[in-house]
Amino acid sequence: MTAIRFTHIDHCSVLITNVARSRQFYGELLGLREIAPPAEFDFVAVWYDIGGSYLHLLLKDTLDTISPRHFCLHVENIDFARAELAAKGLKIDETVKIAAADRFFIRDPDGNRIELLQWLRPYHPETDGQFAS
């Protein structure tokens, strides 16, 4: 039997409760490029193109449960991203530096957790990693 060959994560969906507020956060504050969602949709969705992967915002009446769930955006310069977002008034949640990556977390207006990360060198699972026991 041939194994399924996965190539990449295509998109991530998060729940939002206010389209205008979310567009201001993702489009204006973070600077992501909005694209039109499929015309066939009969529900409100806001889509962003992130270099060939996509972020889908889905309008719902109630907030999602606040949790450690998150999606991660890779940045070219983590120090610049940290300073820019802090200067714009976003709360920066620092976290442990892993292997060769510097990273931190922010939250969108609905409390969705977002990780920003920069790899400083390639990740080597043989030497950087550890399987759960």
N, C-alpha and C. Protein backbone atom coordinates (compact mmCIF):
# COMPACT_ATOMS: atom_id res chain seq x y z
N MET A 1 0.83 -1.17 0.00
CA MET A 1 0.00 0.00 0.00
C MET A 1 0.88 1.25 0.00
N THR A 2 0.55 2.21 -0.81
CA THR A 2 1.31 3.45 -0.89
C THR A 2 0.81 4.43 0.15
N ALA A 3 1.72 5.05 0.85
CA ALA A 3 1.35 6.03 1.87
C ALA A 3 0.92 7.33 1.21
N ILE A 4 0.01 8.02 1.84
CA ILE A 4 -0.39 9.35 1.37
C ILE A 4 0.81 10.27 1.52
N ARG A 5 1.06 11.09 0.51
CA ARG A 5 2.17 12.03 0.56
C ARG A 5 1.62 13.43 0.83
N PHE A 6 1.83 13.92 2.04
CA PHE A 6 1.41 15.27 2.39
C PHE A 6 2.50 16.24 1.98
N THR A 7 2.13 17.39 1.47
CA THR A 7 3.12 18.35 0.98
C THR A 7 3.30 19.57 1.88
N HIS A 8 2.23 20.03 2.50
CA HIS A 8 2.31 21.21 3.38
C HIS A 8 0.95 21.45 4.00
N ILE A 9 0.89 22.32 4.98
CA ILE A 9 -0.39 22.75 5.53
C ILE A 9 -0.95 23.81 4.59
N ASP A 10 -2.13 23.59 4.10
CA ASP A 10 -2.73 24.52 3.15
C ASP A 10 -3.34 25.73 3.84
N HIS A 11 -4.10 25.49 4.91
CA HIS A 11 -4.73 26.61 5.59
C HIS A 11 -5.04 26.27 7.04
N CYS A 12 -5.32 27.31 7.77
CA CYS A 12 -5.73 27.22 9.16
C CYS A 12 -6.98 28.09 9.30
N SER A 13 -7.98 27.63 10.03
CA SER A 13 -9.20 28.40 10.25
C SER A 13 -9.32 28.77 11.72
N VAL A 14 -9.74 30.00 11.96
CA VAL A 14 -10.01 30.45 13.33
C VAL A 14 -11.37 31.15 13.34
N LEU A 15 -12.01 31.12 14.50
CA LEU A 15 -13.31 31.75 14.65
C LEU A 15 -13.16 33.20 15.07
N ILE A 16 -13.99 34.06 14.47
CA ILE A 16 -14.03 35.48 14.83
C ILE A 16 -15.47 35.86 15.11
N THR A 17 -15.67 36.97 15.83
CA THR A 17 -17.03 37.44 16.13
C THR A 17 -17.32 38.81 15.54
N ASN A 18 -16.31 39.47 14.94
CA ASN A 18 -16.50 40.80 14.39
C ASN A 18 -15.59 40.96 13.18
N VAL A 19 -16.18 41.04 11.98
CA VAL A 19 -15.40 41.09 10.75
C VAL A 19 -14.54 42.36 10.68
N ALA A 20 -15.13 43.52 10.95
CA ALA A 20 -14.38 44.78 10.83
C ALA A 20 -13.20 44.80 11.79
N ARG A 21 -13.42 44.38 13.02
CA ARG A 21 -12.34 44.36 14.02
C ARG A 21 -11.24 43.37 13.62
N SER A 22 -11.63 42.23 13.07
CA SER A 22 -10.64 41.23 12.65
C SER A 22 -9.87 41.71 11.42
N ARG A 23 -10.55 42.35 10.48
CA ARG A 23 -9.84 42.91 9.31
C ARG A 23 -8.83 43.97 9.75
N GLN A 24 -9.21 44.78 10.72
CA GLN A 24 -8.28 45.80 11.22
C GLN A 24 -7.05 45.12 11.82
N PHE A 25 -7.26 44.06 12.60
CA PHE A 25 -6.15 43.36 13.25
C PHE A 25 -5.27 42.63 12.24
N TYR A 26 -5.86 41.74 11.45
CA TYR A 26 -5.08 40.90 10.54
C TYR A 26 -4.58 41.67 9.31
N GLY A 27 -5.41 42.51 8.76
CA GLY A 27 -5.05 43.23 7.55
C GLY A 27 -4.23 44.48 7.80
N GLU A 28 -4.72 45.34 8.70
CA GLU A 28 -4.03 46.60 8.94
C GLU A 28 -2.89 46.47 9.94
N LEU A 29 -3.15 45.89 11.10
CA LEU A 29 -2.12 45.81 12.14
C LEU A 29 -1.01 44.82 11.76
N LEU A 30 -1.40 43.59 11.36
CA LEU A 30 -0.38 42.60 10.99
C LEU A 30 0.10 42.76 9.55
N GLY A 31 -0.73 43.35 8.69
CA GLY A 31 -0.33 43.58 7.31
C GLY A 31 -0.49 42.38 6.39
N LEU A 32 -1.38 41.44 6.75
CA LEU A 32 -1.62 40.29 5.88
C LEU A 32 -2.47 40.72 4.68
N ARG A 33 -2.31 40.02 3.56
CA ARG A 33 -3.01 40.35 2.32
C ARG A 33 -4.31 39.56 2.21
N GLU A 34 -5.43 40.29 2.25
CA GLU A 34 -6.74 39.64 2.15
C GLU A 34 -7.02 39.26 0.70
N ILE A 35 -7.61 38.08 0.53
CA ILE A 35 -8.06 37.62 -0.78
C ILE A 35 -9.53 37.24 -0.67
N ALA A 36 -10.22 37.19 -1.80
CA ALA A 36 -11.64 36.84 -1.81
C ALA A 36 -11.82 35.35 -1.54
N PRO A 37 -12.74 35.01 -0.65
CA PRO A 37 -13.06 33.59 -0.45
C PRO A 37 -13.92 33.08 -1.61
N PRO A 38 -14.12 31.78 -1.71
CA PRO A 38 -14.91 31.23 -2.81
C PRO A 38 -16.32 31.83 -2.87
N ALA A 39 -16.77 32.14 -4.08
CA ALA A 39 -18.09 32.73 -4.29
C ALA A 39 -19.20 31.77 -3.87
N GLU A 40 -18.91 30.47 -3.82
CA GLU A 40 -19.93 29.48 -3.47
C GLU A 40 -20.30 29.49 -1.99
N PHE A 41 -19.49 30.12 -1.15
CA PHE A 41 -19.77 30.12 0.29
C PHE A 41 -21.08 30.85 0.58
N ASP A 42 -21.89 30.27 1.46
CA ASP A 42 -23.12 30.92 1.91
C ASP A 42 -22.98 31.35 3.37
N PHE A 43 -21.74 31.57 3.81
CA PHE A 43 -21.44 32.03 5.16
C PHE A 43 -20.32 33.05 5.06
N VAL A 44 -20.10 33.80 6.12
CA VAL A 44 -19.09 34.85 6.12
C VAL A 44 -17.72 34.25 6.44
N ALA A 45 -16.79 34.46 5.53
CA ALA A 45 -15.40 34.02 5.73
C ALA A 45 -14.49 35.11 5.18
N VAL A 46 -13.42 35.37 5.89
CA VAL A 46 -12.41 36.32 5.45
C VAL A 46 -11.12 35.53 5.28
N TRP A 47 -10.51 35.62 4.10
CA TRP A 47 -9.32 34.83 3.79
C TRP A 47 -8.10 35.72 3.63
N TYR A 48 -6.95 35.22 4.08
CA TYR A 48 -5.66 35.89 3.90
C TYR A 48 -4.68 34.92 3.27
N ASP A 49 -3.90 35.42 2.31
CA ASP A 49 -2.84 34.66 1.66
C ASP A 49 -1.55 34.96 2.41
N ILE A 50 -0.90 33.91 2.87
CA ILE A 50 0.36 34.07 3.59
C ILE A 50 1.41 33.27 2.84
N GLY A 51 1.81 33.78 1.69
CA GLY A 51 2.86 33.14 0.91
C GLY A 51 2.54 31.74 0.42
N GLY A 52 1.31 31.50 0.02
CA GLY A 52 0.95 30.18 -0.50
C GLY A 52 0.23 29.30 0.49
N SER A 53 0.19 29.69 1.75
CA SER A 53 -0.68 29.07 2.74
C SER A 53 -1.74 30.12 3.07
N TYR A 54 -2.83 29.67 3.66
CA TYR A 54 -3.95 30.59 3.85
C TYR A 54 -4.46 30.57 5.27
N LEU A 55 -4.97 31.71 5.69
CA LEU A 55 -5.63 31.86 6.98
C LEU A 55 -7.09 32.16 6.68
N HIS A 56 -8.00 31.37 7.23
CA HIS A 56 -9.43 31.54 7.04
C HIS A 56 -10.04 32.00 8.35
N LEU A 57 -10.70 33.13 8.34
CA LEU A 57 -11.44 33.62 9.50
C LEU A 57 -12.91 33.34 9.27
N LEU A 58 -13.54 32.66 10.20
CA LEU A 58 -14.94 32.25 10.06
C LEU A 58 -15.78 32.97 11.10
N LEU A 59 -16.78 33.72 10.64
CA LEU A 59 -17.62 34.51 11.53
C LEU A 59 -18.60 33.58 12.27
N LYS A 60 -18.60 33.71 13.59
CA LYS A 60 -19.51 32.95 14.45
C LYS A 60 -20.12 33.91 15.47
N ASP A 61 -21.20 33.47 16.10
CA ASP A 61 -21.89 34.31 17.09
C ASP A 61 -21.16 34.38 18.42
N THR A 62 -20.43 33.32 18.75
CA THR A 62 -19.76 33.28 20.05
C THR A 62 -18.27 33.00 19.88
N LEU A 63 -17.51 33.41 20.87
CA LEU A 63 -16.07 33.21 20.86
C LEU A 63 -15.73 31.73 20.94
N ASP A 64 -14.58 31.38 20.40
CA ASP A 64 -14.03 30.05 20.57
C ASP A 64 -13.49 29.96 22.01
N THR A 65 -13.31 28.76 22.50
CA THR A 65 -12.74 28.56 23.82
C THR A 65 -11.29 29.02 23.82
N ILE A 66 -10.92 29.82 24.81
CA ILE A 66 -9.53 30.26 24.94
C ILE A 66 -8.71 29.04 25.38
N SER A 67 -7.62 28.78 24.67
CA SER A 67 -6.83 27.59 24.94
C SER A 67 -5.40 27.81 24.44
N PRO A 68 -4.53 26.83 24.63
CA PRO A 68 -3.18 26.92 24.07
C PRO A 68 -3.12 26.65 22.57
N ARG A 69 -4.27 26.26 21.94
CA ARG A 69 -4.26 26.06 20.49
C ARG A 69 -3.76 27.32 19.82
N HIS A 70 -3.06 27.15 18.71
CA HIS A 70 -2.55 28.32 18.01
C HIS A 70 -2.15 27.95 16.59
N PHE A 71 -1.93 28.97 15.80
CA PHE A 71 -1.25 28.80 14.52
C PHE A 71 -0.01 29.66 14.59
N CYS A 72 0.93 29.38 13.70
CA CYS A 72 2.23 30.05 13.76
C CYS A 72 2.52 30.75 12.43
N LEU A 73 2.96 31.99 12.53
CA LEU A 73 3.39 32.76 11.37
C LEU A 73 4.90 32.91 11.42
N HIS A 74 5.56 32.47 10.36
CA HIS A 74 7.01 32.62 10.28
C HIS A 74 7.32 34.05 9.85
N VAL A 75 8.31 34.66 10.49
CA VAL A 75 8.74 36.01 10.11
C VAL A 75 10.21 35.99 9.76
N GLU A 76 10.63 36.97 8.97
CA GLU A 76 12.04 37.06 8.57
C GLU A 76 12.90 37.65 9.67
N ASN A 77 12.32 38.53 10.51
CA ASN A 77 13.10 39.20 11.55
C ASN A 77 12.25 39.27 12.81
N ILE A 78 12.48 38.36 13.74
CA ILE A 78 11.68 38.26 14.95
C ILE A 78 11.85 39.48 15.85
N ASP A 79 13.05 40.04 15.92
CA ASP A 79 13.27 41.21 16.76
C ASP A 79 12.47 42.41 16.25
N PHE A 80 12.45 42.59 14.93
CA PHE A 80 11.67 43.68 14.33
C PHE A 80 10.18 43.46 14.58
N ALA A 81 9.70 42.22 14.38
CA ALA A 81 8.28 41.90 14.59
C ALA A 81 7.89 42.16 16.04
N ARG A 82 8.71 41.74 16.98
CA ARG A 82 8.43 41.94 18.40
C ARG A 82 8.32 43.43 18.72
N ALA A 83 9.29 44.21 18.25
CA ALA A 83 9.30 45.65 18.53
C ALA A 83 8.12 46.36 17.85
N GLU A 84 7.84 46.02 16.59
CA GLU A 84 6.74 46.65 15.84
C GLU A 84 5.39 46.39 16.50
N LEU A 85 5.14 45.15 16.87
CA LEU A 85 3.84 44.80 17.45
C LEU A 85 3.69 45.37 18.86
N ALA A 86 4.76 45.39 19.62
CA ALA A 86 4.71 46.02 20.95
C ALA A 86 4.44 47.52 20.82
N ALA A 87 5.07 48.16 19.84
CA ALA A 87 4.87 49.59 19.61
C ALA A 87 3.43 49.89 19.19
N LYS A 88 2.77 48.91 18.58
CA LYS A 88 1.38 49.08 18.17
C LYS A 88 0.41 48.73 19.29
N GLY A 89 0.94 48.43 20.47
CA GLY A 89 0.11 48.18 21.64
C GLY A 89 -0.29 46.74 21.88
N LEU A 90 0.26 45.81 21.11
CA LEU A 90 -0.07 44.40 21.33
C LEU A 90 0.71 43.85 22.52
N LYS A 91 0.04 43.03 23.32
CA LYS A 91 0.70 42.35 24.43
C LYS A 91 1.53 41.21 23.84
N ILE A 92 2.81 41.20 24.16
CA ILE A 92 3.73 40.15 23.71
C ILE A 92 3.87 39.14 24.83
N ASP A 93 3.53 37.89 24.54
CA ASP A 93 3.71 36.81 25.52
C ASP A 93 4.96 36.04 25.15
N GLU A 94 6.02 36.29 25.90
CA GLU A 94 7.28 35.59 25.64
C GLU A 94 7.14 34.13 26.04
N THR A 95 7.93 33.29 25.40
CA THR A 95 7.91 31.87 25.68
C THR A 95 9.33 31.33 25.53
N VAL A 96 9.52 30.08 25.83
CA VAL A 96 10.85 29.48 25.78
C VAL A 96 11.37 29.47 24.33
N LYS A 97 12.63 29.79 24.15
CA LYS A 97 13.28 29.67 22.85
C LYS A 97 13.52 28.19 22.61
N ILE A 98 13.17 27.71 21.42
CA ILE A 98 13.35 26.29 21.13
C ILE A 98 14.44 26.11 20.08
N ALA A 99 15.21 25.05 20.25
CA ALA A 99 16.26 24.69 19.29
C ALA A 99 16.90 25.95 18.75
N ALA A 100 16.70 26.22 17.50
CA ALA A 100 17.30 27.38 16.87
C ALA A 100 16.24 28.38 16.45
N ALA A 101 15.18 28.50 17.24
CA ALA A 101 14.10 29.42 16.90
C ALA A 101 13.84 30.39 18.04
N ASP A 102 13.61 31.63 17.68
CA ASP A 102 13.13 32.62 18.62
C ASP A 102 11.65 32.81 18.31
N ARG A 103 10.81 32.95 19.33
CA ARG A 103 9.37 33.01 19.10
C ARG A 103 8.68 33.73 20.24
N PHE A 104 7.47 34.17 19.97
CA PHE A 104 6.61 34.75 20.99
C PHE A 104 5.17 34.60 20.53
N PHE A 105 4.24 34.89 21.44
CA PHE A 105 2.82 34.77 21.14
C PHE A 105 2.12 36.11 21.27
N ILE A 106 1.05 36.28 20.49
CA ILE A 106 0.12 37.39 20.61
C ILE A 106 -1.28 36.80 20.55
N ARG A 107 -2.30 37.63 20.81
CA ARG A 107 -3.69 37.19 20.66
C ARG A 107 -4.44 38.20 19.81
N ASP A 108 -5.34 37.67 18.98
CA ASP A 108 -6.18 38.55 18.17
C ASP A 108 -7.32 39.09 19.04
N PRO A 109 -8.17 39.98 18.52
CA PRO A 109 -9.24 40.55 19.34
C PRO A 109 -10.22 39.54 19.92
N ASP A 110 -10.33 38.35 19.33
CA ASP A 110 -11.20 37.31 19.87
C ASP A 110 -10.47 36.34 20.79
N GLY A 111 -9.21 36.59 21.07
CA GLY A 111 -8.45 35.74 21.97
C GLY A 111 -7.75 34.58 21.30
N ASN A 112 -7.82 34.48 19.97
CA ASN A 112 -7.10 33.41 19.27
C ASN A 112 -5.61 33.63 19.43
N ARG A 113 -4.91 32.57 19.77
CA ARG A 113 -3.47 32.62 20.05
C ARG A 113 -2.69 32.46 18.75
N ILE A 114 -1.69 33.34 18.55
CA ILE A 114 -0.87 33.34 17.34
C ILE A 114 0.59 33.34 17.76
N GLU A 115 1.34 32.40 17.23
CA GLU A 115 2.78 32.35 17.48
C GLU A 115 3.49 33.02 16.31
N LEU A 116 4.49 33.84 16.61
CA LEU A 116 5.38 34.38 15.58
C LEU A 116 6.74 33.77 15.85
N LEU A 117 7.40 33.29 14.79
CA LEU A 117 8.62 32.51 14.94
C LEU A 117 9.60 32.82 13.83
N GLN A 118 10.87 32.83 14.20
CA GLN A 118 11.95 32.91 13.21
C GLN A 118 12.93 31.78 13.51
N TRP A 119 13.16 30.93 12.50
CA TRP A 119 14.21 29.92 12.64
C TRP A 119 15.55 30.61 12.41
N LEU A 120 16.47 30.42 13.33
CA LEU A 120 17.79 31.03 13.23
C LEU A 120 18.78 30.10 12.55
N ARG A 121 18.41 28.82 12.49
CA ARG A 121 19.16 27.80 11.75
C ARG A 121 18.19 26.66 11.53
N PRO A 122 18.52 25.71 10.66
CA PRO A 122 17.61 24.57 10.46
C PRO A 122 17.42 23.78 11.75
N TYR A 123 16.22 23.24 11.92
CA TYR A 123 15.90 22.37 13.04
C TYR A 123 16.41 20.97 12.74
N HIS A 124 17.14 20.37 13.67
CA HIS A 124 17.68 19.03 13.52
C HIS A 124 17.02 18.11 14.55
N PRO A 125 15.98 17.37 14.16
CA PRO A 125 15.27 16.56 15.15
C PRO A 125 16.14 15.51 15.83
N GLU A 126 17.19 15.07 15.13
CA GLU A 126 18.07 14.05 15.73
C GLU A 126 18.80 14.59 16.95
N THR A 127 19.17 15.86 16.95
CA THR A 127 19.92 16.43 18.06
C THR A 127 19.13 17.46 18.85
N ASP A 128 18.17 18.12 18.20
CA ASP A 128 17.37 19.15 18.88
C ASP A 128 16.10 18.60 19.53
N GLY A 129 15.67 17.44 19.09
CA GLY A 129 14.36 16.94 19.49
C GLY A 129 14.41 15.90 20.58
N GLN A 130 13.21 15.58 21.08
CA GLN A 130 13.05 14.54 22.09
C GLN A 130 11.63 14.03 21.98
N PHE A 131 11.46 12.73 21.79
CA PHE A 131 10.13 12.14 21.70
C PHE A 131 9.52 12.06 23.10
N ALA A 132 8.19 12.22 23.17
CA ALA A 132 7.50 12.07 24.45
C ALA A 132 7.60 10.63 24.91
N SER A 133 7.73 10.45 26.21
CA SER A 133 7.83 9.08 26.73
C SER A 133 6.57 8.62 27.38
